[in-house]
Amino acid sequence: MAAPKQSREAVFESYSIPRAVVTLSVPTVLSSLVSVLYSLADTYFVGLLNNPIQTAAVTLAAPVLLAFNAVNNLFGVGSSSMMSRAYGRKDFDTLRRSSAFGFYGALLCGALFSLLCTVLRAPLLGLLGADGATRAAADSYLNWTVTLGAVPAILNVVIAYMIRSEGAALHASIGTMSGCALNIVLDPIFILPWGLNLGAAGAAMATCLSNCCALVYFLVYLAARRKTTLVCVSPKAFSLRRDIVGGVCAVGVPASIQNLLNVTGSTILNNLAAPYGAPALAAMGICSRLAMVPMYIAMGISQGVMPLISYNYASRNLRRMKSTIFYAARICVTFLAAMAAVFVCFPGLFVRLFIEDTETVAYGMRFLRGMALSVPLLGVDFLSVGVFQAVGMGKQALIFALLRKIVLEIPFLYLLNRLFPLYGIAYAQAAAELIMAIAAVVVLSRFLKRAQSELDAPAARL
């Protein structure tokens, strides 16, 4: 029994910073990319039909699938942060109860989300921007991905978060990536004319089945390792103790609100593009998914190092915590800047991977160049918010979410669309992220100075 425990703690305490960051971040980046890879796979194979209406249907449904992350963040980010900090303090009772609360909370909220989206389907489609041409296809897509697929999709991510919090990032990645691989295999069979020829509905069916298989993997993993894993999903460990609920929600609620604001921004983006027709909407959907790749890489790195930051902050090893933050920032920003340069230089190459419709490609090339400008800034912004979540600074994370979307990005969407119709909306995120990156550096620097002062204070008194 001792060996697994020592191995887990070695990642947090004795691995070199580069090794620890890579060990935790690479599997987490792969896991984070799963949702966008699901979406890219759906968009790619549906795009092979060269039917902008089918591609637009996938685009319209995207904000609802993005809303899954509101539940994922509430119980996944919240419980994993709580678990890592409890692990650093060696408080194993809190650790187990936090994981049980996260699991059953995600299960209940996922079922409720599915029910509400099903009962309120008609007004939901109108809110998403569906019209007579796209409504039927979008409705079929939501039947499989939300009505039947919400619970397995949400539980996959939440369990992966909790497994990563104890340092087992590789196992978390195996579970999520296996579902993604299955989805890519099933997509052409269900979507294309030589297979079942179901179009967008086939893509949704493949996604649902893949998520169910990934969930089975995670449940088998937890059952097989129940004597060594720190993740507990026993109903007996579920608790509504004030410190458990408050600790999870202090970090999880701001992270959840941040995601809901992302959904709002995505919905507004689609509604601003929709009046220009299915080709413009399809192009916006393709470019949004392409831009999500670097965004999820930034998110994966920030979430990957969260357990390392939480553990060392709780154990008061601030030197190791700061080294982790600075190393993660260097590799994240450098990689994202390279991706942005490729998007700016070769936008047509990427858009044509998904559709050959000439009008859609022309729109997409201009959209992707604008969206690429925000990519390097995402590394600074996401990593800073990840630090706030890791150390329990949920208030700061919430303020940043409100600033990014409500104060900056959403107003920029309307302003730039008014000044530069249609194409201006592609630059709204870049304008918002520039301001946010500056604010992130300032707030993060102040936090590090304050944490160091608190650590030095007892020594000064002695």
Foldseek 3Di string as FASTA:
>chain_A
DVVVLVVLVCLQPPDDLVVSLCLLQVLLLLLLCLVLLLLLLLLQLLQVVQDLLLLLLSLLLVLLVLLLVLLLLLLQLLLLLQLLLCVLVVNLLLNQQSLQQSQVSLQVVLQVSLVVCVVCVVVSSVLSPDDPSNSVSNSLLCCQCRNQARNLVNNLSRLQSSQVLSPPSVLSSVLSVQLSVQLSVQNNQQPPPVHVNPRSNSSSNSNRVSSVSSSVSSVVVCVVCVPPDSHHNDPVSHDPPPCSSVSSNLLRNLSSVLSNLVSVLSSVLLNLQPVVDSLSSSLVSLLVSVLVSLLSSLLSSLSSCLSSLLSCLSNVVLVSNVVSLVVSLVVSLVVQVVVLVCCLVPVLVSSVSRHDPPSSSVSNSLLNNQLSLQRSLSNLLNNLLSSCSSNSVSVVSNVLSCQLRVVFQVVQLVVLCVVPPSSRNSNRNNRSSVVSSVVSVVVSVVVSVVSVCVVCVVVVVD
